[in-house]
Amino acid sequence: MAEKDPINTDWLVATLEDAREELEHAIEALGKHPEEAEDIMENELQAAYAKLNYAVNTARSGDRGLDELTDDEAVAFPTEEFPLLDARATSEEEAEGREGEA
């Protein structure tokens, strides 16, 4: 197993703060405009998730990640850092597929 680069804590803190700001914006928007919950969930929360994923996906590479990852890779669910969650999701999807076949 290849050794991982250390986490760039300054970068991680900065990107997590960016994600937090996005989440705070979504919470504030929901408080002011609850009738727009659907739109807020689909847009602002999606942006917050993307920023959290970005923070994790670039935690070790820091700003090098801007050159090393595509935009889609940068905001994708971080399966390298959280492989058990990815495996659990795959198992659940497979189970749902089997249920649909019955």
C-alpha atoms as a PDB file:
ATOM      1  CA  MET A   1       0.000   0.000   0.000  1.00  0.00           C
ATOM      2  CA  ALA A   2       1.445   3.360  -1.047  1.00  0.00           C
ATOM      3  CA  GLU A   3       2.156   5.841   1.675  1.00  0.00           C
ATOM      4  CA  LYS A   4      -0.137   8.868   1.612  1.00  0.00           C
ATOM      5  CA  ASP A   5       1.073  12.432   1.623  1.00  0.00           C
ATOM      6  CA  PRO A   6       0.486  14.227   4.930  1.00  0.00           C
ATOM      7  CA  ILE A   7      -2.583  16.402   5.244  1.00  0.00           C
ATOM      8  CA  ASN A   8      -1.940  20.050   4.467  1.00  0.00           C
ATOM      9  CA  THR A   9      -3.754  21.409   7.520  1.00  0.00           C
ATOM     10  CA  ASP A  10      -3.645  25.072   6.467  1.00  0.00           C
ATOM     11  CA  TRP A  11      -5.248  24.170   3.147  1.00  0.00           C
ATOM     12  CA  LEU A  12      -7.772  21.858   4.793  1.00  0.00           C
ATOM     13  CA  VAL A  13      -8.843  24.530   7.284  1.00  0.00           C
ATOM     14  CA  ALA A  14      -9.219  27.121   4.521  1.00  0.00           C
ATOM     15  CA  THR A  15     -11.304  24.822   2.316  1.00  0.00           C
ATOM     16  CA  LEU A  16     -13.438  23.653   5.247  1.00  0.00           C
ATOM     17  CA  GLU A  17     -14.107  27.270   6.164  1.00  0.00           C
ATOM     18  CA  ASP A  18     -15.258  27.828   2.590  1.00  0.00           C
ATOM     19  CA  ALA A  19     -17.616  24.845   2.900  1.00  0.00           C
ATOM     20  CA  ARG A  20     -18.874  26.127   6.246  1.00  0.00           C
ATOM     21  CA  GLU A  21     -19.669  29.522   4.716  1.00  0.00           C
ATOM     22  CA  GLU A  22     -21.675  27.787   1.989  1.00  0.00           C
ATOM     23  CA  LEU A  23     -23.579  25.748   4.568  1.00  0.00           C
ATOM     24  CA  GLU A  24     -24.227  28.825   6.707  1.00  0.00           C
ATOM     25  CA  HIS A  25     -25.569  30.572   3.609  1.00  0.00           C
ATOM     26  CA  ALA A  26     -27.965  27.663   2.994  1.00  0.00           C
ATOM     27  CA  ILE A  27     -29.142  27.677   6.616  1.00  0.00           C
ATOM     28  CA  GLU A  28     -29.702  31.420   6.517  1.00  0.00           C
ATOM     29  CA  ALA A  29     -31.599  31.151   3.223  1.00  0.00           C
ATOM     30  CA  LEU A  30     -33.840  28.402   4.645  1.00  0.00           C
ATOM     31  CA  GLY A  31     -34.580  30.544   7.696  1.00  0.00           C
ATOM     32  CA  LYS A  32     -35.534  33.552   5.584  1.00  0.00           C
ATOM     33  CA  HIS A  33     -37.257  31.706   2.732  1.00  0.00           C
ATOM     34  CA  PRO A  34     -38.600  28.328   3.887  1.00  0.00           C
ATOM     35  CA  GLU A  35     -40.928  28.272   0.878  1.00  0.00           C
ATOM     36  CA  GLU A  36     -37.796  27.911  -1.299  1.00  0.00           C
ATOM     37  CA  ALA A  37     -36.546  24.820   0.551  1.00  0.00           C
ATOM     38  CA  GLU A  38     -36.552  22.635  -2.562  1.00  0.00           C
ATOM     39  CA  ASP A  39     -34.404  25.072  -4.530  1.00  0.00           C
ATOM     40  CA  ILE A  40     -32.112  25.724  -1.572  1.00  0.00           C
ATOM     41  CA  MET A  41     -31.579  22.011  -1.000  1.00  0.00           C
ATOM     42  CA  GLU A  42     -30.856  21.358  -4.677  1.00  0.00           C
ATOM     43  CA  ASN A  43     -28.477  24.294  -5.100  1.00  0.00           C
ATOM     44  CA  GLU A  44     -26.958  25.639  -1.895  1.00  0.00           C
ATOM     45  CA  LEU A  45     -26.651  22.269  -0.159  1.00  0.00           C
ATOM     46  CA  GLN A  46     -25.258  20.709  -3.298  1.00  0.00           C
ATOM     47  CA  ALA A  47     -22.627  23.453  -3.360  1.00  0.00           C
ATOM     48  CA  ALA A  48     -21.811  22.818   0.317  1.00  0.00           C
ATOM     49  CA  TYR A  49     -21.333  19.085  -0.354  1.00  0.00           C
ATOM     50  CA  ALA A  50     -19.127  19.865  -3.349  1.00  0.00           C
ATOM     51  CA  LYS A  51     -16.970  22.149  -1.202  1.00  0.00           C
ATOM     52  CA  LEU A  52     -16.691  19.518   1.543  1.00  0.00           C
ATOM     53  CA  ASN A  53     -15.692  16.905  -1.024  1.00  0.00           C
ATOM     54  CA  TYR A  54     -13.189  19.356  -2.511  1.00  0.00           C
ATOM     55  CA  ALA A  55     -11.693  19.947   0.939  1.00  0.00           C
ATOM     56  CA  VAL A  56     -11.156  16.220   1.474  1.00  0.00           C
ATOM     57  CA  ASN A  57     -10.021  15.470  -2.089  1.00  0.00           C
ATOM     58  CA  THR A  58      -7.344  18.175  -1.960  1.00  0.00           C
ATOM     59  CA  ALA A  59      -6.420  17.877   1.735  1.00  0.00           C
ATOM     60  CA  ARG A  60      -3.146  16.131   0.941  1.00  0.00           C
ATOM     61  CA  SER A  61      -2.246  17.894  -2.307  1.00  0.00           C
ATOM     62  CA  GLY A  62      -3.287  21.414  -1.348  1.00  0.00           C
ATOM     63  CA  ASP A  63      -3.282  23.806  -4.262  1.00  0.00           C
ATOM     64  CA  ARG A  64      -1.485  21.154  -6.398  1.00  0.00           C
ATOM     65  CA  GLY A  65      -4.894  19.509  -6.553  1.00  0.00           C
ATOM     66  CA  LEU A  66      -6.040  22.311  -8.825  1.00  0.00           C
ATOM     67  CA  ASP A  67      -3.647  20.984 -11.477  1.00  0.00           C
ATOM     68  CA  GLU A  68      -3.811  17.278 -10.605  1.00  0.00           C
ATOM     69  CA  LEU A  69      -7.599  16.788 -10.510  1.00  0.00           C
ATOM     70  CA  THR A  70     -10.326  17.519 -12.998  1.00  0.00           C
ATOM     71  CA  ASP A  71     -13.185  19.648 -11.716  1.00  0.00           C
ATOM     72  CA  ASP A  72     -15.380  16.542 -11.479  1.00  0.00           C
ATOM     73  CA  GLU A  73     -12.720  14.619  -9.547  1.00  0.00           C
ATOM     74  CA  ALA A  74     -12.169  17.531  -7.171  1.00  0.00           C
ATOM     75  CA  VAL A  75     -15.822  17.674  -6.072  1.00  0.00           C
ATOM     76  CA  ALA A  76     -16.654  13.950  -6.272  1.00  0.00           C
ATOM     77  CA  PHE A  77     -17.311  11.918  -3.140  1.00  0.00           C
ATOM     78  CA  PRO A  78     -13.840  11.190  -1.682  1.00  0.00           C
ATOM     79  CA  THR A  79     -13.775   7.398  -2.007  1.00  0.00           C
ATOM     80  CA  GLU A  80      -9.996   7.208  -1.504  1.00  0.00           C
ATOM     81  CA  GLU A  81     -10.265   8.801   1.935  1.00  0.00           C
ATOM     82  CA  PHE A  82     -13.585   7.130   2.851  1.00  0.00           C
ATOM     83  CA  PRO A  83     -13.508   3.728   1.098  1.00  0.00           C
ATOM     84  CA  LEU A  84     -15.788   1.997   3.608  1.00  0.00           C
ATOM     85  CA  LEU A  85     -18.576   4.454   2.896  1.00  0.00           C
ATOM     86  CA  ASP A  86     -18.183   3.834  -0.825  1.00  0.00           C
ATOM     87  CA  ALA A  87     -18.241   0.067  -0.302  1.00  0.00           C
ATOM     88  CA  ARG A  88     -21.361   0.321   1.863  1.00  0.00           C
ATOM     89  CA  ALA A  89     -23.121   2.423  -0.794  1.00  0.00           C
ATOM     90  CA  THR A  90     -22.196  -0.122  -3.466  1.00  0.00           C
ATOM     91  CA  SER A  91     -23.517  -2.986  -1.319  1.00  0.00           C
ATOM     92  CA  GLU A  92     -26.775  -1.121  -0.715  1.00  0.00           C
ATOM     93  CA  GLU A  93     -27.152  -0.401  -4.445  1.00  0.00           C
ATOM     94  CA  GLU A  94     -26.553  -4.068  -5.257  1.00  0.00           C
ATOM     95  CA  ALA A  95     -29.115  -5.124  -2.650  1.00  0.00           C
ATOM     96  CA  GLU A  96     -31.666  -2.707  -4.086  1.00  0.00           C
ATOM     97  CA  GLY A  97     -30.987  -4.112  -7.564  1.00  0.00           C
ATOM     98  CA  ARG A  98     -31.623  -7.668  -6.338  1.00  0.00           C
ATOM     99  CA  GLU A  99     -34.869  -6.563  -4.671  1.00  0.00           C
ATOM    100  CA  GLY A 100     -36.030  -5.039  -7.974  1.00  0.00           C
ATOM    101  CA  GLU A 101     -35.383  -8.339  -9.767  1.00  0.00           C
ATOM    102  CA  ALA A 102     -37.574 -10.347  -7.407  1.00  0.00           C
END
